[in-house]
Amino acid sequence: MIHLCLARLGWSPEALWRATPREVALALGPPPGTGPAGPLGRERLGELMRRFPD
């Protein structure tokens, strides 16, 4: 995590040690593969409509 904050975010060591765990988590964002899936395509919409017809 230290490497990510220093290299990816460009934080100074002082900024890193002053940051709260919540601030670090917000700055780094969600782990890869857990964020939004992107726009809903026609194929996926059709699949969802078949699975959940109500």
PDB file of N, CA and C in Angstrom:
ATOM      1  N   MET A   1       0.817  -1.173   0.000  1.00  0.00           N
ATOM      2  CA  MET A   1       0.000   0.000   0.000  1.00  0.00           C
ATOM      3  C   MET A   1       0.874   1.254   0.000  1.00  0.00           C
ATOM      4  N   ILE A   2       1.970   1.202   0.706  1.00  0.00           N
ATOM      5  CA  ILE A   2       2.862   2.356   0.738  1.00  0.00           C
ATOM      6  C   ILE A   2       3.357   2.665  -0.665  1.00  0.00           C
ATOM      7  N   HIS A   3       3.753   1.624  -1.391  1.00  0.00           N
ATOM      8  CA  HIS A   3       4.236   1.831  -2.758  1.00  0.00           C
ATOM      9  C   HIS A   3       3.154   2.462  -3.629  1.00  0.00           C
ATOM     10  N   LEU A   4       1.917   1.999  -3.508  1.00  0.00           N
ATOM     11  CA  LEU A   4       0.827   2.560  -4.309  1.00  0.00           C
ATOM     12  C   LEU A   4       0.622   4.038  -4.015  1.00  0.00           C
ATOM     13  N   CYS A   5       0.645   4.395  -2.763  1.00  0.00           N
ATOM     14  CA  CYS A   5       0.441   5.796  -2.396  1.00  0.00           C
ATOM     15  C   CYS A   5       1.581   6.680  -2.889  1.00  0.00           C
ATOM     16  N   LEU A   6       2.791   6.185  -2.767  1.00  0.00           N
ATOM     17  CA  LEU A   6       3.940   6.983  -3.179  1.00  0.00           C
ATOM     18  C   LEU A   6       4.089   7.023  -4.694  1.00  0.00           C
ATOM     19  N   ALA A   7       3.958   5.875  -5.352  1.00  0.00           N
ATOM     20  CA  ALA A   7       4.202   5.806  -6.792  1.00  0.00           C
ATOM     21  C   ALA A   7       2.971   6.187  -7.616  1.00  0.00           C
ATOM     22  N   ARG A   8       1.840   5.564  -7.336  1.00  0.00           N
ATOM     23  CA  ARG A   8       0.651   5.790  -8.160  1.00  0.00           C
ATOM     24  C   ARG A   8      -0.013   7.132  -7.866  1.00  0.00           C
ATOM     25  N   LEU A   9      -0.095   7.491  -6.597  1.00  0.00           N
ATOM     26  CA  LEU A   9      -0.752   8.745  -6.236  1.00  0.00           C
ATOM     27  C   LEU A   9       0.215   9.924  -6.193  1.00  0.00           C
ATOM     28  N   GLY A  10       1.499   9.623  -6.115  1.00  0.00           N
ATOM     29  CA  GLY A  10       2.495  10.686  -6.068  1.00  0.00           C
ATOM     30  C   GLY A  10       2.548  11.420  -4.735  1.00  0.00           C
ATOM     31  N   TRP A  11       2.081  10.762  -3.682  1.00  0.00           N
ATOM     32  CA  TRP A  11       2.083  11.385  -2.361  1.00  0.00           C
ATOM     33  C   TRP A  11       3.500  11.425  -1.807  1.00  0.00           C
ATOM     34  N   SER A  12       3.752  12.411  -0.987  1.00  0.00           N
ATOM     35  CA  SER A  12       5.018  12.454  -0.253  1.00  0.00           C
ATOM     36  C   SER A  12       4.885  11.524   0.950  1.00  0.00           C
ATOM     37  N   PRO A  13       6.002  11.076   1.512  1.00  0.00           N
ATOM     38  CA  PRO A  13       5.902  10.239   2.715  1.00  0.00           C
ATOM     39  C   PRO A  13       5.121  10.941   3.834  1.00  0.00           C
ATOM     40  N   GLU A  14       5.315  12.247   3.960  1.00  0.00           N
ATOM     41  CA  GLU A  14       4.593  12.993   5.001  1.00  0.00           C
ATOM     42  C   GLU A  14       3.081  12.932   4.767  1.00  0.00           C
ATOM     43  N   ALA A  15       2.650  13.114   3.521  1.00  0.00           N
ATOM     44  CA  ALA A  15       1.212  13.058   3.215  1.00  0.00           C
ATOM     45  C   ALA A  15       0.656  11.670   3.504  1.00  0.00           C
ATOM     46  N   LEU A  16       1.434  10.646   3.174  1.00  0.00           N
ATOM     47  CA  LEU A  16       0.986   9.277   3.429  1.00  0.00           C
ATOM     48  C   LEU A  16       0.772   9.041   4.922  1.00  0.00           C
ATOM     49  N   TRP A  17       1.726   9.434   5.742  1.00  0.00           N
ATOM     50  CA  TRP A  17       1.620   9.160   7.174  1.00  0.00           C
ATOM     51  C   TRP A  17       0.580  10.033   7.863  1.00  0.00           C
ATOM     52  N   ARG A  18       0.216  11.153   7.257  1.00  0.00           N
ATOM     53  CA  ARG A  18      -0.833  12.006   7.829  1.00  0.00           C
ATOM     54  C   ARG A  18      -2.232  11.532   7.429  1.00  0.00           C
ATOM     55  N   ALA A  19      -2.331  10.759   6.368  1.00  0.00           N
ATOM     56  CA  ALA A  19      -3.632  10.315   5.862  1.00  0.00           C
ATOM     57  C   ALA A  19      -4.243   9.250   6.769  1.00  0.00           C
ATOM     58  N   THR A  20      -5.555   9.313   6.887  1.00  0.00           N
ATOM     59  CA  THR A  20      -6.272   8.277   7.636  1.00  0.00           C
ATOM     60  C   THR A  20      -6.477   7.070   6.723  1.00  0.00           C
ATOM     61  N   PRO A  21      -6.744   5.896   7.273  1.00  0.00           N
ATOM     62  CA  PRO A  21      -7.022   4.732   6.423  1.00  0.00           C
ATOM     63  C   PRO A  21      -8.172   4.992   5.442  1.00  0.00           C
ATOM     64  N   ARG A  22      -9.179   5.717   5.879  1.00  0.00           N
ATOM     65  CA  ARG A  22     -10.305   6.031   4.993  1.00  0.00           C
ATOM     66  C   ARG A  22      -9.863   6.913   3.826  1.00  0.00           C
ATOM     67  N   GLU A  23      -9.011   7.893   4.083  1.00  0.00           N
ATOM     68  CA  GLU A  23      -8.515   8.767   3.017  1.00  0.00           C
ATOM     69  C   GLU A  23      -7.687   7.976   2.008  1.00  0.00           C
ATOM     70  N   VAL A  24      -6.871   7.062   2.502  1.00  0.00           N
ATOM     71  CA  VAL A  24      -6.069   6.221   1.602  1.00  0.00           C
ATOM     72  C   VAL A  24      -6.983   5.361   0.739  1.00  0.00           C
ATOM     73  N   ALA A  25      -7.990   4.742   1.340  1.00  0.00           N
ATOM     74  CA  ALA A  25      -8.918   3.889   0.588  1.00  0.00           C
ATOM     75  C   ALA A  25      -9.660   4.689  -0.473  1.00  0.00           C
ATOM     76  N   LEU A  26     -10.113   5.880  -0.129  1.00  0.00           N
ATOM     77  CA  LEU A  26     -10.825   6.708  -1.104  1.00  0.00           C
ATOM     78  C   LEU A  26      -9.903   7.145  -2.241  1.00  0.00           C
ATOM     79  N   ALA A  27      -8.670   7.478  -1.916  1.00  0.00           N
ATOM     80  CA  ALA A  27      -7.725   7.923  -2.938  1.00  0.00           C
ATOM     81  C   ALA A  27      -7.357   6.795  -3.897  1.00  0.00           C
ATOM     82  N   LEU A  28      -7.216   5.579  -3.377  1.00  0.00           N
ATOM     83  CA  LEU A  28      -6.831   4.448  -4.225  1.00  0.00           C
ATOM     84  C   LEU A  28      -8.000   3.919  -5.041  1.00  0.00           C
ATOM     85  N   GLY A  29      -9.218   4.121  -4.572  1.00  0.00           N
ATOM     86  CA  GLY A  29     -10.382   3.637  -5.301  1.00  0.00           C
ATOM     87  C   GLY A  29     -10.636   2.164  -5.041  1.00  0.00           C
ATOM     88  N   PRO A  30     -11.675   1.627  -5.691  1.00  0.00           N
ATOM     89  CA  PRO A  30     -12.020   0.224  -5.458  1.00  0.00           C
ATOM     90  C   PRO A  30     -10.965  -0.719  -6.035  1.00  0.00           C
ATOM     91  N   PRO A  31     -10.822  -1.911  -5.473  1.00  0.00           N
ATOM     92  CA  PRO A  31      -9.889  -2.891  -6.032  1.00  0.00           C
ATOM     93  C   PRO A  31     -10.280  -3.246  -7.466  1.00  0.00           C
ATOM     94  N   PRO A  32      -9.318  -3.596  -8.304  1.00  0.00           N
ATOM     95  CA  PRO A  32      -9.636  -3.957  -9.685  1.00  0.00           C
ATOM     96  C   PRO A  32     -10.685  -5.060  -9.747  1.00  0.00           C
ATOM     97  N   GLY A  33     -11.634  -4.897 -10.640  1.00  0.00           N
ATOM     98  CA  GLY A  33     -12.677  -5.896 -10.827  1.00  0.00           C
ATOM     99  C   GLY A  33     -13.868  -5.735  -9.913  1.00  0.00           C
ATOM    100  N   THR A  34     -13.851  -4.726  -9.035  1.00  0.00           N
ATOM    101  CA  THR A  34     -14.980  -4.546  -8.129  1.00  0.00           C
ATOM    102  C   THR A  34     -15.748  -3.260  -8.398  1.00  0.00           C
ATOM    103  N   GLY A  35     -15.302  -2.486  -9.359  1.00  0.00           N
ATOM    104  CA  GLY A  35     -15.962  -1.223  -9.667  1.00  0.00           C
ATOM    105  C   GLY A  35     -17.158  -1.423 -10.579  1.00  0.00           C
ATOM    106  N   PRO A  36     -17.727  -0.326 -11.055  1.00  0.00           N
ATOM    107  CA  PRO A  36     -18.868  -0.421 -11.965  1.00  0.00           C
ATOM    108  C   PRO A  36     -18.519  -1.228 -13.213  1.00  0.00           C
ATOM    109  N   ALA A  37     -19.482  -1.934 -13.723  1.00  0.00           N
ATOM    110  CA  ALA A  37     -19.260  -2.803 -14.878  1.00  0.00           C
ATOM    111  C   ALA A  37     -19.283  -2.039 -16.191  1.00  0.00           C
ATOM    112  N   GLY A  38     -19.632  -0.789 -16.171  1.00  0.00           N
ATOM    113  CA  GLY A  38     -19.721  -0.006 -17.392  1.00  0.00           C
ATOM    114  C   GLY A  38     -21.143   0.018 -17.908  1.00  0.00           C
ATOM    115  N   PRO A  39     -21.334   0.560 -19.109  1.00  0.00           N
ATOM    116  CA  PRO A  39     -22.688   0.667 -19.644  1.00  0.00           C
ATOM    117  C   PRO A  39     -23.312  -0.699 -19.893  1.00  0.00           C
ATOM    118  N   LEU A  40     -24.608  -0.754 -19.714  1.00  0.00           N
ATOM    119  CA  LEU A  40     -25.356  -1.989 -19.928  1.00  0.00           C
ATOM    120  C   LEU A  40     -25.619  -2.144 -21.422  1.00  0.00           C
ATOM    121  N   GLY A  41     -25.108  -3.230 -22.009  1.00  0.00           N
ATOM    122  CA  GLY A  41     -25.299  -3.479 -23.432  1.00  0.00           C
ATOM    123  C   GLY A  41     -26.628  -4.160 -23.720  1.00  0.00           C
ATOM    124  N   ARG A  42     -26.998  -4.170 -24.977  1.00  0.00           N
ATOM    125  CA  ARG A  42     -28.268  -4.763 -25.409  1.00  0.00           C
ATOM    126  C   ARG A  42     -28.343  -6.248 -25.057  1.00  0.00           C
ATOM    127  N   GLU A  43     -27.240  -6.954 -25.272  1.00  0.00           N
ATOM    128  CA  GLU A  43     -27.217  -8.394 -24.994  1.00  0.00           C
ATOM    129  C   GLU A  43     -27.423  -8.679 -23.503  1.00  0.00           C
ATOM    130  N   ARG A  44     -26.711  -7.948 -22.664  1.00  0.00           N
ATOM    131  CA  ARG A  44     -26.842  -8.142 -21.214  1.00  0.00           C
ATOM    132  C   ARG A  44     -28.235  -7.745 -20.733  1.00  0.00           C
ATOM    133  N   LEU A  45     -28.799  -6.689 -21.293  1.00  0.00           N
ATOM    134  CA  LEU A  45     -30.149  -6.272 -20.928  1.00  0.00           C
ATOM    135  C   LEU A  45     -31.150  -7.367 -21.273  1.00  0.00           C
ATOM    136  N   GLY A  46     -31.025  -7.955 -22.466  1.00  0.00           N
ATOM    137  CA  GLY A  46     -31.912  -9.048 -22.860  1.00  0.00           C
ATOM    138  C   GLY A  46     -31.801 -10.236 -21.923  1.00  0.00           C
ATOM    139  N   GLU A  47     -30.588 -10.555 -21.542  1.00  0.00           N
ATOM    140  CA  GLU A  47     -30.361 -11.666 -20.612  1.00  0.00           C
ATOM    141  C   GLU A  47     -31.034 -11.394 -19.266  1.00  0.00           C
ATOM    142  N   LEU A  48     -30.874 -10.200 -18.759  1.00  0.00           N
ATOM    143  CA  LEU A  48     -31.500  -9.846 -17.484  1.00  0.00           C
ATOM    144  C   LEU A  48     -33.026  -9.853 -17.585  1.00  0.00           C
ATOM    145  N   MET A  49     -33.563  -9.404 -18.703  1.00  0.00           N
ATOM    146  CA  MET A  49     -35.021  -9.394 -18.885  1.00  0.00           C
ATOM    147  C   MET A  49     -35.576 -10.816 -18.934  1.00  0.00           C
ATOM    148  N   ARG A  50     -34.817 -11.740 -19.520  1.00  0.00           N
ATOM    149  CA  ARG A  50     -35.261 -13.144 -19.552  1.00  0.00           C
ATOM    150  C   ARG A  50     -35.195 -13.767 -18.156  1.00  0.00           C
ATOM    151  N   ARG A  51     -34.161 -13.441 -17.418  1.00  0.00           N
ATOM    152  CA  ARG A  51     -34.011 -14.014 -16.075  1.00  0.00           C
ATOM    153  C   ARG A  51     -34.987 -13.422 -15.066  1.00  0.00           C
ATOM    154  N   PHE A  52     -35.314 -12.165 -15.247  1.00  0.00           N
ATOM    155  CA  PHE A  52     -36.189 -11.458 -14.296  1.00  0.00           C
ATOM    156  C   PHE A  52     -37.318 -10.767 -15.062  1.00  0.00           C
ATOM    157  N   PRO A  53     -38.311 -11.528 -15.529  1.00  0.00           N
ATOM    158  CA  PRO A  53     -39.344 -10.981 -16.413  1.00  0.00           C
ATOM    159  C   PRO A  53     -40.319 -10.010 -15.749  1.00  0.00           C
ATOM    160  N   ASP A  54     -40.322  -9.922 -14.458  1.00  0.00           N
ATOM    161  CA  ASP A  54     -41.288  -9.026 -13.828  1.00  0.00           C
ATOM    162  C   ASP A  54     -40.874  -7.606 -14.070  1.00  0.00           C
TER     163      ASP A  54
END
